[in-house]
């Protein structure tokens, strides 16, 4: 089960990134995190930018409403999602 934490500015979503995949996609859950496959390589922040773009697209929000809080150089990240209805996050997690 993915544990989304509420903060004053939005929700913190734990994410596990799998870079170098054949397509960008949400791949379910793994070890308490949302697993995300990305085609971008993990160099010079490309995978981080792709992660934020994909989450914004899937949540129907602006790219500026998604930012990485921790794990910039790790596969395990904490992502802040601002101004999104809680039900939308439940759909992504499921």
PDB file of N, CA and C in Angstrom:
ATOM      1  N   UNK A   1       0.841  -1.189   0.000  1.00  0.00           N
ATOM      2  CA  UNK A   1       0.000   0.000   0.000  1.00  0.00           C
ATOM      3  C   UNK A   1       0.880   1.245   0.000  1.00  0.00           C
ATOM      4  N   UNK A   2       0.613   2.149  -0.896  1.00  0.00           N
ATOM      5  CA  UNK A   2       1.359   3.403  -0.990  1.00  0.00           C
ATOM      6  C   UNK A   2       0.781   4.391   0.015  1.00  0.00           C
ATOM      7  N   UNK A   3       1.654   4.971   0.829  1.00  0.00           N
ATOM      8  CA  UNK A   3       1.214   5.935   1.824  1.00  0.00           C
ATOM      9  C   UNK A   3       1.489   7.355   1.345  1.00  0.00           C
ATOM     10  N   UNK A   4       0.440   8.045   0.958  1.00  0.00           N
ATOM     11  CA  UNK A   4       0.537   9.438   0.533  1.00  0.00           C
ATOM     12  C   UNK A   4       0.396  10.305   1.773  1.00  0.00           C
ATOM     13  N   UNK A   5       1.335  11.231   1.955  1.00  0.00           N
ATOM     14  CA  UNK A   5       1.309  12.113   3.123  1.00  0.00           C
ATOM     15  C   UNK A   5       0.794  13.496   2.728  1.00  0.00           C
ATOM     16  N   UNK A   6      -0.053  14.045   3.584  1.00  0.00           N
ATOM     17  CA  UNK A   6      -0.607  15.389   3.354  1.00  0.00           C
ATOM     18  C   UNK A   6       0.325  16.417   3.964  1.00  0.00           C
ATOM     19  N   UNK A   7       0.583  17.485   3.222  1.00  0.00           N
ATOM     20  CA  UNK A   7       1.338  18.638   3.705  1.00  0.00           C
ATOM     21  C   UNK A   7       0.521  19.880   3.382  1.00  0.00           C
ATOM     22  N   UNK A   8       0.827  21.010   4.016  1.00  0.00           N
ATOM     23  CA  UNK A   8       0.043  22.229   3.739  1.00  0.00           C
ATOM     24  C   UNK A   8       0.009  22.603   2.256  1.00  0.00           C
ATOM     25  N   UNK A   9       1.100  22.382   1.548  1.00  0.00           N
ATOM     26  CA  UNK A   9       1.152  22.782   0.139  1.00  0.00           C
ATOM     27  C   UNK A   9       0.701  21.701  -0.832  1.00  0.00           C
ATOM     28  N   UNK A  10       0.392  20.496  -0.345  1.00  0.00           N
ATOM     29  CA  UNK A  10      -0.062  19.432  -1.240  1.00  0.00           C
ATOM     30  C   UNK A  10       0.140  18.058  -0.636  1.00  0.00           C
ATOM     31  N   UNK A  11       0.456  17.085  -1.485  1.00  0.00           N
ATOM     32  CA  UNK A  11       0.628  15.701  -1.064  1.00  0.00           C
ATOM     33  C   UNK A  11       2.015  15.206  -1.455  1.00  0.00           C
ATOM     34  N   UNK A  12       2.613  14.385  -0.591  1.00  0.00           N
ATOM     35  CA  UNK A  12       3.918  13.792  -0.883  1.00  0.00           C
ATOM     36  C   UNK A  12       3.679  12.354  -1.314  1.00  0.00           C
ATOM     37  N   UNK A  13       4.166  12.036  -2.501  1.00  0.00           N
ATOM     38  CA  UNK A  13       3.971  10.728  -3.108  1.00  0.00           C
ATOM     39  C   UNK A  13       5.316  10.008  -3.178  1.00  0.00           C
ATOM     40  N   UNK A  14       5.454   8.823  -2.545  1.00  0.00           N
ATOM     41  CA  UNK A  14       6.695   8.062  -2.676  1.00  0.00           C
ATOM     42  C   UNK A  14       6.723   7.353  -4.028  1.00  0.00           C
ATOM     43  N   UNK A  15       7.839   7.468  -4.740  1.00  0.00           N
ATOM     44  CA  UNK A  15       7.946   6.955  -6.100  1.00  0.00           C
ATOM     45  C   UNK A  15       9.216   6.118  -6.242  1.00  0.00           C
ATOM     46  N   UNK A  16       9.122   5.052  -7.037  1.00  0.00           N
ATOM     47  CA  UNK A  16      10.282   4.260  -7.444  1.00  0.00           C
ATOM     48  C   UNK A  16      10.396   4.394  -8.954  1.00  0.00           C
ATOM     49  N   UNK A  17      11.529   4.912  -9.427  1.00  0.00           N
ATOM     50  CA  UNK A  17      11.721   5.164 -10.851  1.00  0.00           C
ATOM     51  C   UNK A  17      12.535   4.047 -11.484  1.00  0.00           C
ATOM     52  N   UNK A  18      12.095   3.606 -12.659  1.00  0.00           N
ATOM     53  CA  UNK A  18      12.836   2.633 -13.456  1.00  0.00           C
ATOM     54  C   UNK A  18      13.210   3.323 -14.769  1.00  0.00           C
ATOM     55  N   UNK A  19      14.395   3.954 -14.833  1.00  0.00           N
ATOM     56  CA  UNK A  19      14.795   4.667 -16.052  1.00  0.00           C
ATOM     57  C   UNK A  19      15.236   3.706 -17.153  1.00  0.00           C
ATOM     58  N   UNK A  20      15.260   4.201 -18.373  1.00  0.00           N
ATOM     59  CA  UNK A  20      15.716   3.404 -19.507  1.00  0.00           C
ATOM     60  C   UNK A  20      14.696   2.398 -19.995  1.00  0.00           C
ATOM     61  N   UNK A  21      13.430   2.600 -19.693  1.00  0.00           N
ATOM     62  CA  UNK A  21      12.367   1.683 -20.125  1.00  0.00           C
ATOM     63  C   UNK A  21      12.003   1.937 -21.589  1.00  0.00           C
ATOM     64  N   UNK A  22      11.189   1.071 -22.141  1.00  0.00           N
ATOM     65  CA  UNK A  22      10.785   1.222 -23.545  1.00  0.00           C
ATOM     66  C   UNK A  22       9.688   2.276 -23.724  1.00  0.00           C
ATOM     67  N   UNK A  23       8.989   2.611 -22.631  1.00  0.00           N
ATOM     68  CA  UNK A  23       7.953   3.653 -22.704  1.00  0.00           C
ATOM     69  C   UNK A  23       7.754   4.261 -21.329  1.00  0.00           C
ATOM     70  N   UNK A  24       7.235   5.486 -21.287  1.00  0.00           N
ATOM     71  CA  UNK A  24       6.906   6.147 -20.025  1.00  0.00           C
ATOM     72  C   UNK A  24       5.550   5.623 -19.558  1.00  0.00           C
ATOM     73  N   UNK A  25       5.496   5.135 -18.316  1.00  0.00           N
ATOM     74  CA  UNK A  25       4.235   4.588 -17.823  1.00  0.00           C
ATOM     75  C   UNK A  25       4.253   4.438 -16.311  1.00  0.00           C
ATOM     76  N   UNK A  26       3.057   4.501 -15.728  1.00  0.00           N
ATOM     77  CA  UNK A  26       2.883   4.139 -14.328  1.00  0.00           C
ATOM     78  C   UNK A  26       2.731   2.624 -14.305  1.00  0.00           C
ATOM     79  N   UNK A  27       3.477   1.969 -13.435  1.00  0.00           N
ATOM     80  CA  UNK A  27       3.526   0.498 -13.448  1.00  0.00           C
ATOM     81  C   UNK A  27       3.018  -0.130 -12.158  1.00  0.00           C
ATOM     82  N   UNK A  28       2.123   0.519 -11.472  1.00  0.00           N
ATOM     83  CA  UNK A  28       1.573  -0.051 -10.256  1.00  0.00           C
ATOM     84  C   UNK A  28       2.371   0.326  -9.027  1.00  0.00           C
ATOM     85  N   UNK A  29       2.428  -0.618  -8.080  1.00  0.00           N
ATOM     86  CA  UNK A  29       3.084  -0.361  -6.801  1.00  0.00           C
ATOM     87  C   UNK A  29       4.229  -1.345  -6.594  1.00  0.00           C
ATOM     88  N   UNK A  30       5.243  -0.884  -5.872  1.00  0.00           N
ATOM     89  CA  UNK A  30       6.360  -1.750  -5.507  1.00  0.00           C
ATOM     90  C   UNK A  30       6.941  -1.260  -4.190  1.00  0.00           C
ATOM     91  N   UNK A  31       6.910  -2.108  -3.184  1.00  0.00           N
ATOM     92  CA  UNK A  31       7.520  -1.821  -1.892  1.00  0.00           C
ATOM     93  C   UNK A  31       7.037  -0.492  -1.289  1.00  0.00           C
ATOM     94  N   UNK A  32       5.719  -0.253  -1.347  1.00  0.00           N
ATOM     95  CA  UNK A  32       5.138   0.947  -0.749  1.00  0.00           C
ATOM     96  C   UNK A  32       5.318   2.219  -1.554  1.00  0.00           C
ATOM     97  N   UNK A  33       5.682   2.085  -2.812  1.00  0.00           N
ATOM     98  CA  UNK A  33       5.893   3.247  -3.679  1.00  0.00           C
ATOM     99  C   UNK A  33       5.172   3.043  -5.007  1.00  0.00           C
ATOM    100  N   UNK A  34       4.865   4.149  -5.682  1.00  0.00           N
ATOM    101  CA  UNK A  34       4.323   4.084  -7.030  1.00  0.00           C
ATOM    102  C   UNK A  34       5.505   3.836  -7.966  1.00  0.00           C
ATOM    103  N   UNK A  35       5.435   2.783  -8.766  1.00  0.00           N
ATOM    104  CA  UNK A  35       6.524   2.472  -9.689  1.00  0.00           C
ATOM    105  C   UNK A  35       6.256   3.172 -11.023  1.00  0.00           C
ATOM    106  N   UNK A  36       7.287   3.868 -11.513  1.00  0.00           N
ATOM    107  CA  UNK A  36       7.163   4.630 -12.752  1.00  0.00           C
ATOM    108  C   UNK A  36       8.301   4.241 -13.684  1.00  0.00           C
ATOM    109  N   UNK A  37       7.967   3.792 -14.891  1.00  0.00           N
ATOM    110  CA  UNK A  37       8.964   3.475 -15.913  1.00  0.00           C
ATOM    111  C   UNK A  37       9.153   4.705 -16.791  1.00  0.00           C
ATOM    112  N   UNK A  38      10.413   5.040 -17.085  1.00  0.00           N
ATOM    113  CA  UNK A  38      10.726   6.215 -17.895  1.00  0.00           C
ATOM    114  C   UNK A  38      11.716   5.854 -18.991  1.00  0.00           C
ATOM    115  N   UNK A  39      11.522   6.421 -20.175  1.00  0.00           N
ATOM    116  CA  UNK A  39      12.457   6.184 -21.275  1.00  0.00           C
ATOM    117  C   UNK A  39      13.729   7.017 -21.112  1.00  0.00           C
ATOM    118  N   UNK A  40      13.643   8.102 -20.393  1.00  0.00           N
ATOM    119  CA  UNK A  40      14.790   9.002 -20.224  1.00  0.00           C
ATOM    120  C   UNK A  40      15.894   8.352 -19.403  1.00  0.00           C
ATOM    121  N   UNK A  41      17.146   8.626 -19.765  1.00  0.00           N
ATOM    122  CA  UNK A  41      18.264   8.085 -18.986  1.00  0.00           C
ATOM    123  C   UNK A  41      18.445   8.863 -17.681  1.00  0.00           C
ATOM    124  N   UNK A  42      19.042   8.223 -16.672  1.00  0.00           N
ATOM    125  CA  UNK A  42      19.243   8.906 -15.392  1.00  0.00           C
ATOM    126  C   UNK A  42      20.509   9.759 -15.388  1.00  0.00           C
ATOM    127  N   UNK A  43      20.557  10.714 -16.291  1.00  0.00           N
ATOM    128  CA  UNK A  43      21.731  11.592 -16.363  1.00  0.00           C
ATOM    129  C   UNK A  43      21.298  13.034 -16.530  1.00  0.00           C
ATOM    130  N   UNK A  44      21.983  13.920 -15.841  1.00  0.00           N
ATOM    131  CA  UNK A  44      21.747  15.363 -15.923  1.00  0.00           C
ATOM    132  C   UNK A  44      20.291  15.759 -15.665  1.00  0.00           C
ATOM    133  N   UNK A  45      19.598  14.992 -14.816  1.00  0.00           N
ATOM    134  CA  UNK A  45      18.233  15.344 -14.441  1.00  0.00           C
ATOM    135  C   UNK A  45      17.164  15.019 -15.472  1.00  0.00           C
ATOM    136  N   UNK A  46      17.528  14.329 -16.545  1.00  0.00           N
ATOM    137  CA  UNK A  46      16.537  14.026 -17.594  1.00  0.00           C
ATOM    138  C   UNK A  46      15.405  13.151 -17.074  1.00  0.00           C
ATOM    139  N   UNK A  47      15.737  12.123 -16.308  1.00  0.00           N
ATOM    140  CA  UNK A  47      14.698  11.241 -15.772  1.00  0.00           C
ATOM    141  C   UNK A  47      13.820  11.986 -14.767  1.00  0.00           C
ATOM    142  N   UNK A  48      14.403  12.868 -13.978  1.00  0.00           N
ATOM    143  CA  UNK A  48      13.616  13.649 -13.018  1.00  0.00           C
ATOM    144  C   UNK A  48      12.611  14.543 -13.731  1.00  0.00           C
ATOM    145  N   UNK A  49      13.053  15.203 -14.786  1.00  0.00           N
ATOM    146  CA  UNK A  49      12.136  16.064 -15.552  1.00  0.00           C
ATOM    147  C   UNK A  49      11.035  15.226 -16.212  1.00  0.00           C
ATOM    148  N   UNK A  50      11.391  14.064 -16.740  1.00  0.00           N
ATOM    149  CA  UNK A  50      10.400  13.185 -17.364  1.00  0.00           C
ATOM    150  C   UNK A  50       9.387  12.684 -16.338  1.00  0.00           C
ATOM    151  N   UNK A  51       9.856  12.394 -15.129  1.00  0.00           N
ATOM    152  CA  UNK A  51       8.963  11.953 -14.058  1.00  0.00           C
ATOM    153  C   UNK A  51       7.938  13.036 -13.737  1.00  0.00           C
ATOM    154  N   UNK A  52       8.380  14.255 -13.579  1.00  0.00           N
ATOM    155  CA  UNK A  52       7.466  15.364 -13.265  1.00  0.00           C
ATOM    156  C   UNK A  52       6.473  15.594 -14.396  1.00  0.00           C
ATOM    157  N   UNK A  53       6.938  15.524 -15.641  1.00  0.00           N
ATOM    158  CA  UNK A  53       6.034  15.680 -16.791  1.00  0.00           C
ATOM    159  C   UNK A  53       4.971  14.584 -16.810  1.00  0.00           C
ATOM    160  N   UNK A  54       5.393  13.333 -16.602  1.00  0.00           N
ATOM    161  CA  UNK A  54       4.454  12.210 -16.649  1.00  0.00           C
ATOM    162  C   UNK A  54       3.415  12.311 -15.531  1.00  0.00           C
ATOM    163  N   UNK A  55       3.859  12.588 -14.312  1.00  0.00           N
ATOM    164  CA  UNK A  55       2.909  12.703 -13.205  1.00  0.00           C
ATOM    165  C   UNK A  55       1.928  13.849 -13.434  1.00  0.00           C
ATOM    166  N   UNK A  56       2.418  14.986 -13.924  1.00  0.00           N
ATOM    167  CA  UNK A  56       1.526  16.121 -14.202  1.00  0.00           C
ATOM    168  C   UNK A  56       0.482  15.739 -15.250  1.00  0.00           C
ATOM    169  N   UNK A  57       0.925  15.058 -16.281  1.00  0.00           N
ATOM    170  CA  UNK A  57       0.004  14.643 -17.345  1.00  0.00           C
ATOM    171  C   UNK A  57      -1.044  13.678 -16.807  1.00  0.00           C
ATOM    172  N   UNK A  58      -0.607  12.667 -16.042  1.00  0.00           N
ATOM    173  CA  UNK A  58      -1.532  11.664 -15.508  1.00  0.00           C
ATOM    174  C   UNK A  58      -2.518  12.258 -14.502  1.00  0.00           C
ATOM    175  N   UNK A  59      -2.082  13.277 -13.756  1.00  0.00           N
ATOM    176  CA  UNK A  59      -2.944  13.908 -12.756  1.00  0.00           C
ATOM    177  C   UNK A  59      -3.781  15.045 -13.326  1.00  0.00           C
ATOM    178  N   UNK A  60      -3.491  15.459 -14.561  1.00  0.00           N
ATOM    179  CA  UNK A  60      -4.240  16.545 -15.177  1.00  0.00           C
ATOM    180  C   UNK A  60      -3.932  17.897 -14.567  1.00  0.00           C
ATOM    181  N   UNK A  61      -2.674  18.101 -14.163  1.00  0.00           N
ATOM    182  CA  UNK A  61      -2.259  19.368 -13.563  1.00  0.00           C
ATOM    183  C   UNK A  61      -1.069  19.924 -14.338  1.00  0.00           C
ATOM    184  N   UNK A  62      -0.653  21.135 -13.985  1.00  0.00           N
ATOM    185  CA  UNK A  62       0.494  21.763 -14.634  1.00  0.00           C
ATOM    186  C   UNK A  62       1.792  21.140 -14.141  1.00  0.00           C
ATOM    187  N   UNK A  63       2.791  21.158 -14.985  1.00  0.00           N
ATOM    188  CA  UNK A  63       4.110  20.627 -14.643  1.00  0.00           C
ATOM    189  C   UNK A  63       4.693  21.351 -13.420  1.00  0.00           C
ATOM    190  N   UNK A  64       4.388  22.627 -13.277  1.00  0.00           N
ATOM    191  CA  UNK A  64       4.910  23.414 -12.153  1.00  0.00           C
ATOM    192  C   UNK A  64       4.319  22.988 -10.808  1.00  0.00           C
ATOM    193  N   UNK A  65       3.268  22.182 -10.811  1.00  0.00           N
ATOM    194  CA  UNK A  65       2.642  21.715  -9.588  1.00  0.00           C
ATOM    195  C   UNK A  65       3.259  20.410  -9.078  1.00  0.00           C
ATOM    196  N   UNK A  66       4.274  19.911  -9.768  1.00  0.00           N
ATOM    197  CA  UNK A  66       4.943  18.671  -9.382  1.00  0.00           C
ATOM    198  C   UNK A  66       6.419  18.965  -9.208  1.00  0.00           C
ATOM    199  N   UNK A  67       6.975  18.593  -8.024  1.00  0.00           N
ATOM    200  CA  UNK A  67       8.424  18.773  -7.850  1.00  0.00           C
ATOM    201  C   UNK A  67       8.976  17.701  -6.933  1.00  0.00           C
ATOM    202  N   UNK A  68      10.216  17.387  -7.157  1.00  0.00           N
ATOM    203  CA  UNK A  68      10.884  16.351  -6.380  1.00  0.00           C
ATOM    204  C   UNK A  68      11.431  16.967  -5.100  1.00  0.00           C
ATOM    205  N   UNK A  69      11.054  16.377  -3.967  1.00  0.00           N
ATOM    206  CA  UNK A  69      11.520  16.862  -2.675  1.00  0.00           C
ATOM    207  C   UNK A  69      12.836  16.204  -2.272  1.00  0.00           C
ATOM    208  N   UNK A  70      12.936  14.896  -2.504  1.00  0.00           N
ATOM    209  CA  UNK A  70      14.153  14.183  -2.125  1.00  0.00           C
ATOM    210  C   UNK A  70      14.389  13.021  -3.088  1.00  0.00           C
ATOM    211  N   UNK A  71      15.645  12.583  -3.147  1.00  0.00           N
ATOM    212  CA  UNK A  71      16.004  11.469  -4.012  1.00  0.00           C
ATOM    213  C   UNK A  71      16.362  11.889  -5.420  1.00  0.00           C
ATOM    214  N   UNK A  72      16.899  13.083  -5.591  1.00  0.00           N
ATOM    215  CA  UNK A  72      17.221  13.586  -6.929  1.00  0.00           C
ATOM    216  C   UNK A  72      18.154  12.663  -7.699  1.00  0.00           C
ATOM    217  N   UNK A  73      19.050  11.974  -7.019  1.00  0.00           N
ATOM    218  CA  UNK A  73      19.990  11.078  -7.694  1.00  0.00           C
ATOM    219  C   UNK A  73      19.718   9.609  -7.376  1.00  0.00           C
ATOM    220  N   UNK A  74      18.571   9.328  -6.805  1.00  0.00           N
ATOM    221  CA  UNK A  74      18.211   7.971  -6.405  1.00  0.00           C
ATOM    222  C   UNK A  74      16.999   7.499  -7.202  1.00  0.00           C
ATOM    223  N   UNK A  75      16.808   6.190  -7.242  1.00  0.00           N
ATOM    224  CA  UNK A  75      15.596   5.663  -7.871  1.00  0.00           C
ATOM    225  C   UNK A  75      14.386   5.865  -6.968  1.00  0.00           C
ATOM    226  N   UNK A  76      14.611   5.958  -5.664  1.00  0.00           N
ATOM    227  CA  UNK A  76      13.529   6.189  -4.707  1.00  0.00           C
ATOM    228  C   UNK A  76      13.419   7.682  -4.445  1.00  0.00           C
ATOM    229  N   UNK A  77      12.263   8.232  -4.735  1.00  0.00           N
ATOM    230  CA  UNK A  77      12.057   9.669  -4.637  1.00  0.00           C
ATOM    231  C   UNK A  77      10.805   9.991  -3.826  1.00  0.00           C
ATOM    232  N   UNK A  78      10.772  11.195  -3.305  1.00  0.00           N
ATOM    233  CA  UNK A  78       9.588  11.756  -2.682  1.00  0.00           C
ATOM    234  C   UNK A  78       9.173  12.936  -3.561  1.00  0.00           C
ATOM    235  N   UNK A  79       7.956  12.902  -4.079  1.00  0.00           N
ATOM    236  CA  UNK A  79       7.479  13.917  -5.010  1.00  0.00           C
ATOM    237  C   UNK A  79       6.324  14.686  -4.388  1.00  0.00           C
ATOM    238  N   UNK A  80       6.412  16.006  -4.420  1.00  0.00           N
ATOM    239  CA  UNK A  80       5.338  16.860  -3.931  1.00  0.00           C
ATOM    240  C   UNK A  80       4.407  17.190  -5.089  1.00  0.00           C
ATOM    241  N   UNK A  81       3.121  16.949  -4.863  1.00  0.00           N
ATOM    242  CA  UNK A  81       2.086  17.259  -5.857  1.00  0.00           C
ATOM    243  C   UNK A  81       1.184  18.307  -5.233  1.00  0.00           C
ATOM    244  N   UNK A  82       1.115  19.481  -5.854  1.00  0.00           N
ATOM    245  CA  UNK A  82       0.347  20.599  -5.310  1.00  0.00           C
ATOM    246  C   UNK A  82      -1.017  20.736  -5.979  1.00  0.00           C
ATOM    247  N   UNK A  83      -1.978  21.169  -5.177  1.00  0.00           N
ATOM    248  CA  UNK A  83      -3.320  21.529  -5.670  1.00  0.00           C
ATOM    249  C   UNK A  83      -3.943  20.449  -6.570  1.00  0.00           C
ATOM    250  N   UNK A  84      -4.009  19.246  -6.051  1.00  0.00           N
ATOM    251  CA  UNK A  84      -4.654  18.162  -6.787  1.00  0.00           C
ATOM    252  C   UNK A  84      -5.720  17.536  -5.886  1.00  0.00           C
ATOM    253  N   UNK A  85      -6.883  17.224  -6.442  1.00  0.00           N
ATOM    254  CA  UNK A  85      -7.910  16.577  -5.628  1.00  0.00           C
ATOM    255  C   UNK A  85      -7.427  15.226  -5.126  1.00  0.00           C
ATOM    256  N   UNK A  86      -7.685  14.884  -3.854  1.00  0.00           N
ATOM    257  CA  UNK A  86      -7.198  13.626  -3.301  1.00  0.00           C
ATOM    258  C   UNK A  86      -7.690  12.385  -4.066  1.00  0.00           C
ATOM    259  N   UNK A  87      -8.867  12.419  -4.596  1.00  0.00           N
ATOM    260  CA  UNK A  87      -9.379  11.276  -5.364  1.00  0.00           C
ATOM    261  C   UNK A  87      -8.545  10.970  -6.587  1.00  0.00           C
ATOM    262  N   UNK A  88      -7.964  11.997  -7.187  1.00  0.00           N
ATOM    263  CA  UNK A  88      -7.115  11.818  -8.349  1.00  0.00           C
ATOM    264  C   UNK A  88      -5.866  11.005  -7.997  1.00  0.00           C
ATOM    265  N   UNK A  89      -5.290  11.290  -6.844  1.00  0.00           N
ATOM    266  CA  UNK A  89      -4.131  10.511  -6.395  1.00  0.00           C
ATOM    267  C   UNK A  89      -4.508   9.064  -6.158  1.00  0.00           C
ATOM    268  N   UNK A  90      -5.699   8.823  -5.622  1.00  0.00           N
ATOM    269  CA  UNK A  90      -6.142   7.450  -5.382  1.00  0.00           C
ATOM    270  C   UNK A  90      -6.215   6.655  -6.692  1.00  0.00           C
ATOM    271  N   UNK A  91      -6.647   7.305  -7.768  1.00  0.00           N
ATOM    272  CA  UNK A  91      -6.698   6.646  -9.071  1.00  0.00           C
ATOM    273  C   UNK A  91      -5.310   6.280  -9.563  1.00  0.00           C
ATOM    274  N   UNK A  92      -4.350   7.166  -9.390  1.00  0.00           N
ATOM    275  CA  UNK A  92      -2.981   6.922  -9.824  1.00  0.00           C
ATOM    276  C   UNK A  92      -2.368   5.761  -9.036  1.00  0.00           C
ATOM    277  N   UNK A  93      -2.606   5.746  -7.742  1.00  0.00           N
ATOM    278  CA  UNK A  93      -2.033   4.715  -6.882  1.00  0.00           C
ATOM    279  C   UNK A  93      -2.619   3.348  -7.195  1.00  0.00           C
ATOM    280  N   UNK A  94      -3.915   3.324  -7.489  1.00  0.00           N
ATOM    281  CA  UNK A  94      -4.582   2.049  -7.797  1.00  0.00           C
ATOM    282  C   UNK A  94      -4.098   1.539  -9.126  1.00  0.00           C
TER     283      UNK A  94
END
